[in-house]
Amino acid sequence: MSPTRTATEAPRYGSLARRFLSLVYDSVVLLGLLMIAAAVALPVGGAGKVAFRDWGFTAYLLLVTFFYFGACWHYAGMTVGMRAWQVKLVNEKGGRLSWGQCLIRFCVAVFSLGLAGGGFAWSLLDEKNRAWHDLAARAVLIRT
């Protein structure tokens, strides 16, 4: 199959499996990024920094996490994991996401993960395989 589609060809949507596998890849990248972010923060507040105990440190790590995902979604439409699994995030019109859409998508995805992935499982019921965070941000995950 050719990597480019014609204008009349319907988009192929990203599956739950591709979402999950992309997230596994991205967790490896994110772990390294968070380790660097923590190393930068240690000289400022000492070695007693522990995520989920120190709210300032936790907020800092969440901000770093958002900027990784948000920048990837906004500028390229895909993270490292999404690139590996050949899926791309676009808005409803087929363009790139705004920073506001990225923030909404990130917040709802975190909420969804907190509910044992319920929002991700929703993609099994949606005709375009959209999860809660895609619906909230008015975005769709397509195969490239």
Protein backbone atom coordinates (compact mmCIF):
# COMPACT_ATOMS: atom_id res chain seq x y z
CA MET A 1 0.00 0.00 0.00
CA SER A 2 1.37 3.41 -0.86
CA PRO A 3 2.22 5.81 1.99
CA THR A 4 0.12 8.57 0.41
CA ARG A 5 -3.65 8.49 0.05
CA THR A 6 -5.79 10.03 -2.60
CA ALA A 7 -8.32 12.71 -1.70
CA THR A 8 -11.23 10.27 -2.07
CA GLU A 9 -9.73 7.54 0.10
CA ALA A 10 -11.12 7.49 3.65
CA PRO A 11 -8.59 7.82 6.48
CA ARG A 12 -7.66 4.75 8.45
CA TYR A 13 -7.99 5.39 12.16
CA GLY A 14 -5.49 4.41 14.84
CA SER A 15 -6.49 1.37 16.86
CA LEU A 16 -6.38 0.89 20.61
CA ALA A 17 -3.43 -1.50 20.16
CA ARG A 18 -1.43 1.16 18.28
CA ARG A 19 -2.29 3.70 21.00
CA PHE A 20 -1.08 1.36 23.70
CA LEU A 21 2.12 0.39 21.89
CA SER A 22 2.87 4.05 21.14
CA LEU A 23 2.40 4.82 24.81
CA VAL A 24 4.84 2.05 25.76
CA TYR A 25 7.50 3.55 23.46
CA ASP A 26 6.79 7.05 24.74
CA SER A 27 7.06 5.93 28.36
CA VAL A 28 10.70 4.98 27.72
CA VAL A 29 11.43 8.41 26.22
CA LEU A 30 9.49 10.13 28.98
CA LEU A 31 11.31 8.21 31.72
CA GLY A 32 14.64 9.53 30.44
CA LEU A 33 13.26 13.04 30.14
CA LEU A 34 11.86 12.96 33.67
CA MET A 35 15.17 11.68 35.02
CA ILE A 36 16.93 14.67 33.45
CA ALA A 37 14.22 17.02 34.78
CA ALA A 38 14.60 15.56 38.28
CA ALA A 39 18.39 15.93 38.11
CA VAL A 40 17.93 19.60 37.19
CA ALA A 41 15.53 20.13 40.12
CA LEU A 42 17.64 18.41 42.79
CA PRO A 43 20.17 21.22 43.30
CA VAL A 44 17.30 23.68 43.81
CA GLY A 45 15.44 21.86 46.57
CA GLY A 46 17.72 19.12 47.82
CA ALA A 47 17.59 15.35 47.59
CA GLY A 48 14.29 15.10 49.49
CA LYS A 49 12.17 15.64 46.37
CA VAL A 50 9.63 12.83 45.93
CA ALA A 51 6.87 12.89 43.34
CA PHE A 52 3.34 12.78 44.81
CA ARG A 53 4.68 13.86 48.22
CA ASP A 54 6.09 17.22 47.19
CA TRP A 55 3.30 18.95 45.23
CA GLY A 56 5.60 21.54 43.69
CA PHE A 57 7.91 18.82 42.37
CA THR A 58 4.94 16.78 41.14
CA ALA A 59 3.55 19.81 39.29
CA TYR A 60 6.98 20.41 37.75
CA LEU A 61 7.17 16.82 36.48
CA LEU A 62 3.61 17.05 35.10
CA LEU A 63 4.58 20.25 33.31
CA VAL A 64 7.63 18.55 31.77
CA THR A 65 5.41 15.64 30.72
CA PHE A 66 2.87 18.01 29.15
CA PHE A 67 5.55 19.87 27.22
CA TYR A 68 6.92 16.61 25.79
CA PHE A 69 3.51 15.43 24.59
CA GLY A 70 2.14 18.88 23.77
CA ALA A 71 5.12 19.96 21.69
CA CYS A 72 5.14 16.67 19.78
CA TRP A 73 1.38 16.84 19.11
CA HIS A 74 1.41 20.54 18.21
CA TYR A 75 4.47 20.69 15.97
CA ALA A 76 4.64 17.21 14.38
CA GLY A 77 1.28 15.62 15.17
CA MET A 78 3.09 12.64 16.63
CA THR A 79 5.40 11.58 19.41
CA VAL A 80 8.35 9.22 19.02
CA GLY A 81 6.10 6.24 19.82
CA MET A 82 3.39 7.42 17.45
CA ARG A 83 5.96 7.76 14.68
CA ALA A 84 7.18 4.20 15.30
CA TRP A 85 3.62 2.84 15.15
CA GLN A 86 2.67 5.01 12.17
CA VAL A 87 -0.14 7.06 13.67
CA LYS A 88 -0.64 10.82 13.60
CA LEU A 89 -2.85 13.16 15.54
CA VAL A 90 -4.86 15.74 13.59
CA ASN A 91 -7.74 18.06 14.39
CA GLU A 92 -11.23 17.53 12.93
CA LYS A 93 -10.27 19.47 9.79
CA GLY A 94 -7.09 17.45 9.23
CA GLY A 95 -4.70 20.16 10.47
CA ARG A 96 -2.40 20.32 13.45
CA LEU A 97 -3.63 20.73 17.01
CA SER A 98 -3.51 24.07 18.79
CA TRP A 99 -1.80 24.37 22.17
CA GLY A 100 -5.26 24.58 23.77
CA GLN A 101 -6.30 21.31 22.17
CA CYS A 102 -3.04 19.72 23.32
CA LEU A 103 -3.68 20.86 26.90
CA ILE A 104 -7.26 19.56 26.87
CA ARG A 105 -6.13 16.25 25.37
CA PHE A 106 -3.37 15.86 27.96
CA CYS A 107 -5.60 16.64 30.95
CA VAL A 108 -8.39 14.31 29.85
CA ALA A 109 -5.87 11.54 29.05
CA VAL A 110 -4.40 11.80 32.56
CA PHE A 111 -7.93 11.64 34.01
CA SER A 112 -8.69 8.63 31.79
CA LEU A 113 -5.55 6.81 32.92
CA GLY A 114 -6.61 7.48 36.51
CA LEU A 115 -9.85 5.63 35.77
CA ALA A 116 -7.97 2.46 34.78
CA GLY A 117 -7.90 3.50 31.12
CA GLY A 118 -11.66 3.77 30.73
CA GLY A 119 -11.36 6.68 28.34
CA PHE A 120 -8.93 4.75 26.18
CA ALA A 121 -11.27 1.75 26.05
CA TRP A 122 -13.96 4.06 24.69
CA SER A 123 -12.08 3.96 21.38
CA LEU A 124 -13.37 0.41 20.93
CA LEU A 125 -16.92 1.79 20.75
CA ASP A 126 -16.33 4.91 18.64
CA GLU A 127 -16.64 4.71 14.84
CA LYS A 128 -13.41 6.69 14.40
CA ASN A 129 -11.61 4.92 17.27
CA ARG A 130 -11.53 8.14 19.32
CA ALA A 131 -10.79 7.97 23.02
CA TRP A 132 -12.22 10.45 25.54
CA HIS A 133 -9.25 12.77 25.18
CA ASP A 134 -9.65 12.82 21.39
CA LEU A 135 -13.33 13.69 21.72
CA ALA A 136 -12.62 16.44 24.26
CA ALA A 137 -9.87 17.98 22.11
CA ARG A 138 -11.80 17.47 18.85
CA ALA A 139 -8.95 15.41 17.42
CA VAL A 140 -8.55 12.08 15.69
CA LEU A 141 -5.71 9.58 15.48
CA ILE A 142 -5.09 8.42 11.90
CA ARG A 143 -2.73 5.85 10.42
CA THR A 144 0.02 7.23 8.22
